Amino acid sequence: MSKKAEALAEGLGLGFDDLLGLRFAANVFLAATIVWFTLQAVGDHNAIWAIASMIAAAEPLPEEARRLFKSRLINVAVGCAVGFLFLVLGSGRERMIPVALAVTVLISTFVVRVKTMWRQAPITACIVIAAGLAGGSATVGIERGLHKVAEVLFGCTVGLSVSWLMSKVWLVRRPEQRIGAS
């Protein structure tokens, strides 16, 4: 399939980056379908966090997708922990959000030091804290926060899996790799 696809791409004047763009579109289509219908089947009718995370993890280059997944997972854990801590200690006060986000950034940048996806840590903390504030209690917030974080992790896992699978089904090689492989 890859050789035929490469011949077709060459005939159409498509380069390596064009093919990656097409594979990314295919990855997103497949992964979004999986995420959307799976969550619908289990009664989760608001899949926005899972879809957004899936898009970030559906990277067409599987090595990059793995790196992003690992970085996202670490920073989600940091954001989740700090969000829960501030949700419990902050007693549901909105004014705690800026402090919690700043603390999350400091922990992510100075302690954890996984720069890739480090923005995910304060985003996750905000998701957790906002869920608590909307729910009116720390207990409800923790439950909703865990649900949102589970959606993020599910979306990332599906995106990574589709990226890996598509890299096996549809090999996209750089032109110099095609010449050496022929």
Protein backbone atom coordinates (compact mmCIF):
# COMPACT_ATOMS: atom_id res chain seq x y z
CA MET A 1 0.00 0.00 0.00
CA SER A 2 2.80 2.43 0.87
CA LYS A 3 4.60 2.06 -2.47
CA LYS A 4 1.36 2.71 -4.36
CA ALA A 5 0.61 5.68 -2.12
CA GLU A 6 4.13 7.03 -2.64
CA ALA A 7 3.80 6.65 -6.42
CA LEU A 8 0.42 8.41 -6.36
CA ALA A 9 1.79 11.19 -4.15
CA GLU A 10 4.76 11.64 -6.45
CA GLY A 11 2.46 11.82 -9.45
CA LEU A 12 0.36 14.47 -7.71
CA GLY A 13 3.44 16.44 -6.65
CA LEU A 14 2.86 15.86 -2.93
CA GLY A 15 5.85 16.06 -0.62
CA PHE A 16 6.64 14.36 2.68
CA ASP A 17 4.92 17.06 4.75
CA ASP A 18 1.83 16.85 2.52
CA LEU A 19 1.63 13.11 3.16
CA LEU A 20 2.04 13.65 6.89
CA GLY A 21 -0.81 16.15 6.74
CA LEU A 22 -3.01 13.61 4.98
CA ARG A 23 -2.12 10.93 7.52
CA PHE A 24 -2.78 13.36 10.37
CA ALA A 25 -6.24 14.02 8.91
CA ALA A 26 -6.84 10.26 8.69
CA ASN A 27 -5.58 9.80 12.27
CA VAL A 28 -7.88 12.51 13.58
CA PHE A 29 -10.87 11.13 11.66
CA LEU A 30 -10.37 7.58 12.94
CA ALA A 31 -9.51 8.57 16.51
CA ALA A 32 -12.37 11.09 16.76
CA THR A 33 -14.79 8.43 15.57
CA ILE A 34 -13.51 5.98 18.19
CA VAL A 35 -13.53 8.53 21.01
CA TRP A 36 -16.90 10.03 20.15
CA PHE A 37 -18.83 6.79 19.74
CA THR A 38 -17.16 5.05 22.67
CA LEU A 39 -18.00 7.87 25.05
CA GLN A 40 -21.53 8.10 23.65
CA ALA A 41 -21.95 4.37 24.24
CA VAL A 42 -21.04 4.75 27.93
CA GLY A 43 -23.34 7.74 28.38
CA ASP A 44 -20.76 10.53 28.27
CA HIS A 45 -22.33 13.07 25.92
CA ASN A 46 -19.74 15.83 26.31
CA ALA A 47 -16.49 14.52 24.88
CA ILE A 48 -14.74 17.85 24.27
CA TRP A 49 -11.79 17.18 26.62
CA ALA A 50 -11.26 13.71 25.20
CA ILE A 51 -11.47 14.98 21.61
CA ALA A 52 -9.06 17.86 22.25
CA SER A 53 -6.55 15.52 23.90
CA MET A 54 -6.94 12.96 21.14
CA ILE A 55 -6.09 15.57 18.51
CA ALA A 56 -2.91 16.48 20.36
CA ALA A 57 -1.91 12.80 20.61
CA ALA A 58 -2.84 11.77 17.06
CA GLU A 59 0.50 13.08 15.79
CA PRO A 60 1.33 11.44 12.45
CA LEU A 61 4.89 10.58 13.52
CA PRO A 62 4.56 7.80 16.13
CA GLU A 63 7.87 8.62 17.88
CA GLU A 64 6.66 12.18 18.42
CA ALA A 65 3.22 10.91 19.47
CA ARG A 66 4.82 8.70 22.16
CA ARG A 67 6.95 11.57 23.45
CA LEU A 68 3.95 13.89 23.60
CA PHE A 69 1.84 11.21 25.31
CA LYS A 70 4.45 10.63 28.02
CA SER A 71 4.89 14.37 28.58
CA ARG A 72 1.13 14.93 28.70
CA LEU A 73 0.65 12.05 31.15
CA ILE A 74 3.27 13.42 33.55
CA ASN A 75 1.90 16.95 33.39
CA VAL A 76 -1.71 15.78 33.76
CA ALA A 77 -0.66 13.98 36.94
CA VAL A 78 0.99 17.15 38.28
CA GLY A 79 -2.01 19.31 37.41
CA CYS A 80 -4.42 16.79 38.87
CA ALA A 81 -2.53 16.54 42.16
CA VAL A 82 -2.18 20.30 42.58
CA GLY A 83 -5.78 20.89 41.51
CA PHE A 84 -7.08 18.40 44.07
CA LEU A 85 -4.85 19.85 46.78
CA PHE A 86 -6.08 23.38 46.14
CA LEU A 87 -9.66 22.19 45.79
CA VAL A 88 -9.51 20.64 49.26
CA LEU A 89 -7.38 23.34 50.92
CA GLY A 90 -8.97 26.29 49.11
CA SER A 91 -12.48 25.43 50.32
CA GLY A 92 -13.99 26.24 46.94
CA ARG A 93 -12.84 29.85 46.80
CA GLU A 94 -12.43 31.21 43.27
CA ARG A 95 -9.57 33.46 44.29
CA MET A 96 -7.45 30.31 44.75
CA ILE A 97 -7.42 29.61 41.01
CA PRO A 98 -4.63 32.05 40.04
CA VAL A 99 -2.48 30.89 42.96
CA ALA A 100 -3.09 27.23 42.13
CA LEU A 101 -2.24 27.76 38.47
CA ALA A 102 0.97 29.62 39.32
CA VAL A 103 2.00 26.92 41.81
CA THR A 104 1.25 24.27 39.18
CA VAL A 105 3.46 26.04 36.64
CA LEU A 106 6.28 26.36 39.17
CA ILE A 107 6.11 22.67 40.10
CA SER A 108 5.93 21.64 36.44
CA THR A 109 8.83 23.84 35.36
CA PHE A 110 11.17 23.66 38.35
CA VAL A 111 10.48 20.25 39.91
CA VAL A 112 9.15 17.93 37.20
CA ARG A 113 11.00 19.63 34.31
CA VAL A 114 9.20 17.93 31.43
CA LYS A 115 9.03 20.97 29.19
CA THR A 116 7.05 19.35 26.41
CA MET A 117 3.35 19.77 27.22
CA TRP A 118 4.12 21.61 30.50
CA ARG A 119 1.13 23.83 29.76
CA GLN A 120 -0.99 20.74 30.37
CA ALA A 121 -0.30 20.87 34.11
CA PRO A 122 -2.05 24.21 34.81
CA ILE A 123 -4.79 23.36 32.30
CA THR A 124 -5.51 20.16 34.22
CA ALA A 125 -5.39 21.95 37.57
CA CYS A 126 -7.89 24.46 36.23
CA ILE A 127 -10.19 21.67 34.97
CA VAL A 128 -10.15 20.02 38.40
CA ILE A 129 -10.68 23.23 40.37
CA ALA A 130 -13.37 24.55 38.01
CA ALA A 131 -15.23 21.25 38.32
CA GLY A 132 -15.15 21.64 42.11
CA LEU A 133 -16.36 25.22 42.01
CA ALA A 134 -19.16 24.33 39.59
CA GLY A 135 -20.17 21.36 41.75
CA GLY A 136 -20.23 23.40 44.93
CA SER A 137 -18.12 21.00 46.98
CA ALA A 138 -14.68 19.48 47.05
CA THR A 139 -16.13 15.96 46.86
CA VAL A 140 -18.16 16.74 43.74
CA GLY A 141 -15.15 18.59 42.32
CA ILE A 142 -12.85 15.63 42.86
CA GLU A 143 -15.36 13.31 41.21
CA ARG A 144 -15.88 15.63 38.23
CA GLY A 145 -12.18 16.41 38.04
CA LEU A 146 -11.31 12.73 37.91
CA HIS A 147 -13.92 12.26 35.20
CA LYS A 148 -12.43 15.06 33.08
CA VAL A 149 -8.90 13.77 33.61
CA ALA A 150 -10.06 10.27 32.62
CA GLU A 151 -11.49 11.76 29.42
CA VAL A 152 -8.17 13.46 28.69
CA LEU A 153 -6.24 10.23 29.26
CA PHE A 154 -8.71 8.22 27.17
CA GLY A 155 -8.43 10.70 24.30
CA CYS A 156 -4.63 10.64 24.50
CA THR A 157 -4.54 6.85 24.55
CA VAL A 158 -6.81 6.57 21.52
CA GLY A 159 -4.80 9.22 19.64
CA LEU A 160 -1.52 7.45 20.39
CA SER A 161 -2.94 4.05 19.44
CA VAL A 162 -4.32 5.31 16.14
CA SER A 163 -1.02 7.07 15.39
CA TRP A 164 0.88 3.82 15.95
CA LEU A 165 -1.60 1.73 13.96
CA MET A 166 -1.64 4.14 11.02
CA SER A 167 2.16 4.21 10.96
CA LYS A 168 2.05 0.43 10.42
CA VAL A 169 -0.74 0.52 7.83
CA TRP A 170 0.37 3.63 5.93
CA LEU A 171 4.13 4.08 5.97
CA VAL A 172 5.16 7.63 5.12
CA ARG A 173 8.84 7.84 4.27
CA ARG A 174 11.05 10.78 3.44
CA PRO A 175 12.20 10.85 -0.21
CA GLU A 176 15.77 9.85 0.75
CA GLN A 177 14.39 6.83 2.63
CA ARG A 178 12.36 5.76 -0.42
CA ILE A 179 15.40 5.72 -2.67
CA GLY A 180 17.40 3.58 -0.25
CA ALA A 181 14.52 1.17 0.28
CA SER A 182 13.71 0.53 -3.38
